[in-house]
N, C-alpha and C. Protein backbone atom coordinates (compact mmCIF):
# COMPACT_ATOMS: atom_id res chain seq x y z
N UNK A 1 -36.44 -185.20 166.79
CA UNK A 1 -37.18 -185.80 167.89
C UNK A 1 -36.86 -185.05 169.19
N UNK A 2 -37.90 -184.76 169.94
CA UNK A 2 -37.76 -184.03 171.19
C UNK A 2 -37.33 -185.00 172.30
N UNK A 3 -36.33 -184.63 173.09
CA UNK A 3 -35.85 -185.53 174.15
C UNK A 3 -36.83 -185.64 175.30
N UNK A 4 -36.69 -186.72 176.05
CA UNK A 4 -37.52 -186.98 177.22
C UNK A 4 -36.83 -186.39 178.45
N UNK A 5 -36.81 -185.06 178.51
CA UNK A 5 -36.15 -184.32 179.60
C UNK A 5 -37.09 -183.20 180.05
N UNK A 6 -36.89 -182.67 181.26
CA UNK A 6 -37.68 -181.52 181.67
C UNK A 6 -37.23 -180.29 180.90
N UNK A 7 -38.19 -179.42 180.57
CA UNK A 7 -37.80 -178.22 179.85
C UNK A 7 -38.96 -177.33 179.48
N UNK A 8 -38.64 -176.30 178.73
CA UNK A 8 -39.63 -175.35 178.23
C UNK A 8 -39.61 -175.40 176.71
N UNK A 9 -40.71 -174.95 176.11
CA UNK A 9 -40.80 -174.96 174.66
C UNK A 9 -41.63 -173.77 174.20
N UNK A 10 -41.44 -173.40 172.95
CA UNK A 10 -42.19 -172.30 172.38
C UNK A 10 -42.46 -172.59 170.91
N UNK A 11 -43.71 -172.38 170.51
CA UNK A 11 -44.09 -172.49 169.10
C UNK A 11 -44.04 -171.09 168.49
N UNK A 12 -43.53 -171.01 167.27
CA UNK A 12 -43.48 -169.74 166.56
C UNK A 12 -43.99 -169.93 165.14
N UNK A 13 -44.65 -168.91 164.63
CA UNK A 13 -45.08 -168.89 163.23
C UNK A 13 -44.09 -168.02 162.47
N UNK A 14 -43.66 -168.52 161.33
CA UNK A 14 -42.64 -167.83 160.54
C UNK A 14 -43.26 -167.20 159.31
N UNK A 15 -42.75 -166.05 158.96
CA UNK A 15 -43.05 -165.45 157.67
C UNK A 15 -41.74 -165.43 156.91
N UNK A 16 -41.77 -165.97 155.70
CA UNK A 16 -40.55 -166.08 154.91
C UNK A 16 -40.65 -165.28 153.63
N UNK A 17 -39.51 -164.84 153.18
CA UNK A 17 -39.38 -164.17 151.90
C UNK A 17 -38.22 -164.81 151.17
N UNK A 18 -38.52 -165.45 150.04
CA UNK A 18 -37.49 -166.13 149.24
C UNK A 18 -36.65 -167.10 150.05
N UNK A 19 -37.34 -167.83 150.94
CA UNK A 19 -36.67 -168.87 151.70
C UNK A 19 -36.00 -168.42 152.98
N UNK A 20 -36.04 -167.12 153.27
CA UNK A 20 -35.43 -166.62 154.50
C UNK A 20 -36.52 -166.15 155.46
N UNK A 21 -36.36 -166.49 156.74
CA UNK A 21 -37.31 -166.04 157.74
C UNK A 21 -37.14 -164.54 157.94
N UNK A 22 -38.24 -163.80 157.77
CA UNK A 22 -38.17 -162.35 157.96
C UNK A 22 -38.88 -161.91 159.24
N UNK A 23 -39.84 -162.69 159.70
CA UNK A 23 -40.46 -162.43 161.00
C UNK A 23 -40.80 -163.75 161.67
N UNK A 24 -40.85 -163.67 162.98
CA UNK A 24 -41.22 -164.83 163.78
C UNK A 24 -42.20 -164.34 164.84
N UNK A 25 -43.41 -164.87 164.84
CA UNK A 25 -44.43 -164.49 165.81
C UNK A 25 -44.58 -165.62 166.82
N UNK A 26 -44.39 -165.29 168.08
CA UNK A 26 -44.49 -166.31 169.13
C UNK A 26 -45.96 -166.63 169.38
N UNK A 27 -46.28 -167.92 169.34
CA UNK A 27 -47.67 -168.35 169.45
C UNK A 27 -48.00 -168.95 170.82
N UNK A 28 -47.10 -169.77 171.38
CA UNK A 28 -47.40 -170.45 172.63
C UNK A 28 -46.11 -170.86 173.32
N UNK A 29 -46.08 -170.70 174.63
CA UNK A 29 -44.96 -171.14 175.46
C UNK A 29 -45.50 -172.11 176.50
N UNK A 30 -44.78 -173.20 176.73
CA UNK A 30 -45.19 -174.18 177.71
C UNK A 30 -43.99 -174.83 178.37
N UNK A 31 -44.28 -175.75 179.26
CA UNK A 31 -43.23 -176.47 179.98
C UNK A 31 -43.70 -177.87 180.28
N UNK A 32 -42.75 -178.73 180.60
CA UNK A 32 -43.11 -180.09 180.99
C UNK A 32 -41.95 -180.79 181.66
N UNK A 33 -42.29 -181.68 182.55
CA UNK A 33 -41.25 -182.51 183.18
C UNK A 33 -40.67 -183.50 182.17
N UNK A 34 -41.45 -183.78 181.14
CA UNK A 34 -41.00 -184.59 180.01
C UNK A 34 -41.43 -183.85 178.75
N UNK A 35 -40.49 -183.22 178.07
CA UNK A 35 -40.85 -182.47 176.86
C UNK A 35 -41.53 -183.34 175.82
N UNK A 36 -41.02 -184.55 175.62
CA UNK A 36 -41.61 -185.41 174.59
C UNK A 36 -43.06 -185.76 174.92
N UNK A 37 -43.35 -186.07 176.17
CA UNK A 37 -44.72 -186.38 176.57
C UNK A 37 -45.62 -185.15 176.47
N UNK A 38 -45.13 -184.03 176.97
CA UNK A 38 -45.94 -182.80 176.96
C UNK A 38 -46.26 -182.37 175.54
N UNK A 39 -45.28 -182.40 174.66
CA UNK A 39 -45.52 -181.97 173.29
C UNK A 39 -46.42 -182.93 172.52
N UNK A 40 -46.43 -184.19 172.91
CA UNK A 40 -47.32 -185.14 172.24
C UNK A 40 -48.78 -184.82 172.52
N UNK A 41 -49.05 -184.04 173.57
CA UNK A 41 -50.43 -183.65 173.90
C UNK A 41 -50.95 -182.52 173.02
N UNK A 42 -50.06 -181.88 172.28
CA UNK A 42 -50.48 -180.80 171.39
C UNK A 42 -50.85 -181.36 170.01
N UNK A 43 -51.86 -182.20 170.00
CA UNK A 43 -52.37 -182.75 168.75
C UNK A 43 -53.69 -182.08 168.43
N UNK A 44 -53.98 -181.92 167.17
CA UNK A 44 -55.19 -181.21 166.75
C UNK A 44 -56.44 -181.82 167.40
N UNK A 45 -56.51 -183.14 167.48
CA UNK A 45 -57.72 -183.79 168.00
C UNK A 45 -57.81 -183.80 169.53
N UNK A 46 -56.72 -183.44 170.25
CA UNK A 46 -56.76 -183.47 171.72
C UNK A 46 -56.46 -182.13 172.37
N UNK A 47 -55.99 -181.17 171.62
CA UNK A 47 -55.60 -179.86 172.19
C UNK A 47 -56.82 -179.15 172.76
N UNK A 48 -56.74 -178.69 174.02
CA UNK A 48 -57.86 -178.03 174.68
C UNK A 48 -57.86 -176.51 174.47
N UNK A 49 -56.72 -175.95 174.13
CA UNK A 49 -56.64 -174.51 173.85
C UNK A 49 -57.13 -174.31 172.42
N UNK A 50 -58.33 -173.77 172.27
CA UNK A 50 -58.97 -173.65 170.96
C UNK A 50 -58.12 -172.88 169.95
N UNK A 51 -57.54 -171.78 170.37
CA UNK A 51 -56.73 -170.97 169.45
C UNK A 51 -55.49 -171.73 168.98
N UNK A 52 -54.83 -172.40 169.91
CA UNK A 52 -53.65 -173.19 169.55
C UNK A 52 -54.05 -174.35 168.66
N UNK A 53 -55.16 -175.01 168.97
CA UNK A 53 -55.64 -176.13 168.16
C UNK A 53 -55.91 -175.68 166.72
N UNK A 54 -56.60 -174.56 166.56
CA UNK A 54 -56.89 -174.06 165.22
C UNK A 54 -55.60 -173.71 164.47
N UNK A 55 -54.65 -173.12 165.18
CA UNK A 55 -53.36 -172.76 164.56
C UNK A 55 -52.59 -174.01 164.14
N UNK A 56 -52.57 -175.03 164.99
CA UNK A 56 -51.88 -176.27 164.65
C UNK A 56 -52.50 -176.95 163.43
N UNK A 57 -53.80 -176.75 163.25
CA UNK A 57 -54.52 -177.37 162.13
C UNK A 57 -54.26 -176.66 160.80
N UNK A 58 -53.94 -175.36 160.85
CA UNK A 58 -53.71 -174.59 159.62
C UNK A 58 -52.36 -174.92 159.01
N UNK A 59 -52.28 -174.72 157.71
CA UNK A 59 -50.99 -174.83 157.02
C UNK A 59 -50.18 -173.58 157.29
N UNK A 60 -48.88 -173.71 157.23
CA UNK A 60 -48.02 -172.55 157.41
C UNK A 60 -46.67 -172.97 157.94
N UNK A 61 -45.74 -172.05 157.85
CA UNK A 61 -44.40 -172.31 158.36
C UNK A 61 -44.39 -172.05 159.86
N UNK A 62 -43.93 -173.03 160.60
CA UNK A 62 -43.84 -172.88 162.05
C UNK A 62 -42.57 -173.54 162.54
N UNK A 63 -42.18 -173.15 163.73
CA UNK A 63 -40.96 -173.71 164.31
C UNK A 63 -41.21 -173.98 165.79
N UNK A 64 -40.65 -175.07 166.27
CA UNK A 64 -40.68 -175.42 167.67
C UNK A 64 -39.29 -175.20 168.24
N UNK A 65 -39.21 -174.42 169.29
CA UNK A 65 -37.96 -174.20 170.02
C UNK A 65 -38.12 -174.86 171.37
N UNK A 66 -37.06 -175.47 171.88
CA UNK A 66 -37.14 -176.04 173.22
C UNK A 66 -35.77 -176.03 173.87
N UNK A 67 -35.80 -176.06 175.21
CA UNK A 67 -34.55 -176.07 175.98
C UNK A 67 -34.74 -176.90 177.23
N UNK A 68 -33.72 -177.65 177.57
CA UNK A 68 -33.73 -178.42 178.80
C UNK A 68 -33.58 -177.45 179.97
N UNK A 69 -34.40 -177.66 181.02
CA UNK A 69 -34.39 -176.78 182.19
C UNK A 69 -34.51 -177.67 183.43
N UNK A 70 -33.79 -177.33 184.47
CA UNK A 70 -33.90 -178.05 185.72
C UNK A 70 -35.36 -177.97 186.22
N UNK A 71 -35.87 -179.08 186.73
CA UNK A 71 -37.26 -179.16 187.17
C UNK A 71 -37.60 -178.04 188.16
N UNK A 72 -36.69 -177.71 189.04
CA UNK A 72 -36.95 -176.68 190.05
C UNK A 72 -37.13 -175.29 189.42
N UNK A 73 -36.67 -175.10 188.21
CA UNK A 73 -36.74 -173.78 187.55
C UNK A 73 -37.82 -173.70 186.47
N UNK A 74 -38.57 -174.77 186.23
CA UNK A 74 -39.53 -174.79 185.12
C UNK A 74 -40.54 -173.64 185.19
N UNK A 75 -41.18 -173.46 186.33
CA UNK A 75 -42.20 -172.41 186.44
C UNK A 75 -41.61 -171.02 186.19
N UNK A 76 -40.46 -170.75 186.78
CA UNK A 76 -39.84 -169.44 186.63
C UNK A 76 -39.42 -169.17 185.19
N UNK A 77 -38.80 -170.14 184.56
CA UNK A 77 -38.35 -169.95 183.17
C UNK A 77 -39.55 -169.78 182.25
N UNK A 78 -40.60 -170.57 182.46
CA UNK A 78 -41.80 -170.42 181.63
C UNK A 78 -42.40 -169.03 181.81
N UNK A 79 -42.53 -168.56 183.05
CA UNK A 79 -43.07 -167.21 183.30
C UNK A 79 -42.21 -166.14 182.62
N UNK A 80 -40.88 -166.28 182.73
CA UNK A 80 -39.99 -165.30 182.11
C UNK A 80 -40.18 -165.27 180.59
N UNK A 81 -40.28 -166.44 179.98
CA UNK A 81 -40.46 -166.50 178.53
C UNK A 81 -41.81 -165.90 178.12
N UNK A 82 -42.86 -166.24 178.85
CA UNK A 82 -44.18 -165.69 178.52
C UNK A 82 -44.16 -164.17 178.67
N UNK A 83 -43.52 -163.69 179.70
CA UNK A 83 -43.48 -162.25 179.93
C UNK A 83 -42.69 -161.53 178.85
N UNK A 84 -41.64 -162.13 178.34
CA UNK A 84 -40.81 -161.48 177.33
C UNK A 84 -41.34 -161.68 175.91
N UNK A 85 -41.81 -162.88 175.59
CA UNK A 85 -42.22 -163.19 174.22
C UNK A 85 -43.66 -162.77 173.92
N UNK A 86 -44.51 -162.70 174.95
CA UNK A 86 -45.92 -162.32 174.79
C UNK A 86 -46.62 -163.19 173.74
N UNK A 87 -46.57 -164.52 173.89
CA UNK A 87 -47.18 -165.40 172.90
C UNK A 87 -48.69 -165.19 172.78
N UNK A 88 -49.19 -165.31 171.57
CA UNK A 88 -50.59 -165.00 171.28
C UNK A 88 -51.59 -165.94 171.94
N UNK A 89 -51.22 -167.21 172.14
CA UNK A 89 -52.21 -168.19 172.58
C UNK A 89 -52.07 -168.63 174.02
N UNK A 90 -51.16 -168.07 174.78
CA UNK A 90 -51.11 -168.40 176.20
C UNK A 90 -52.28 -167.72 176.89
N UNK A 91 -52.96 -168.47 177.71
CA UNK A 91 -54.14 -167.93 178.39
C UNK A 91 -53.77 -166.95 179.48
N UNK A 92 -52.62 -167.15 180.11
CA UNK A 92 -52.18 -166.26 181.18
C UNK A 92 -50.88 -165.60 180.75
N UNK A 93 -50.88 -164.28 180.75
CA UNK A 93 -49.66 -163.53 180.44
C UNK A 93 -49.16 -162.90 181.73
N UNK A 94 -47.87 -162.69 181.83
CA UNK A 94 -47.25 -162.14 183.01
C UNK A 94 -46.69 -160.77 182.70
N UNK A 95 -46.58 -159.90 183.70
CA UNK A 95 -46.01 -158.57 183.45
C UNK A 95 -44.61 -158.68 182.86
N UNK A 96 -44.28 -157.76 181.97
CA UNK A 96 -42.96 -157.76 181.37
C UNK A 96 -41.95 -157.24 182.39
N UNK A 97 -40.78 -157.84 182.39
CA UNK A 97 -39.68 -157.39 183.23
C UNK A 97 -38.39 -157.79 182.55
N UNK A 98 -37.30 -157.22 182.98
CA UNK A 98 -36.03 -157.58 182.35
C UNK A 98 -35.58 -158.92 182.90
N UNK A 99 -35.01 -159.73 182.00
CA UNK A 99 -34.52 -161.04 182.42
C UNK A 99 -33.17 -160.92 183.08
N UNK A 100 -32.99 -161.66 184.14
CA UNK A 100 -31.66 -161.73 184.74
C UNK A 100 -30.95 -162.95 184.18
N UNK A 101 -29.67 -162.87 184.00
CA UNK A 101 -28.92 -164.00 183.42
C UNK A 101 -28.31 -164.86 184.47
């Protein structure tokens, strides 16, 4: 169960060989002031991003990653993740740059 905290999340599609993940393709990165509320909006019947909706409807191995993030940093962390991961279904991509720690 996803906690009711501010944070970022990323959906990934997995390719497995004999039960082991061999590749992970990043599909979508998002953020929310409440991860549980935001993720509940990604339902097949309500999703507005057509590509993400179709992907959610298909069978396949997928994984949801999420992290709690301070509300003041949500936009920056989301942009950094989109720029580094280059998810297939995000409508806006950002220039790649090195992440600062």
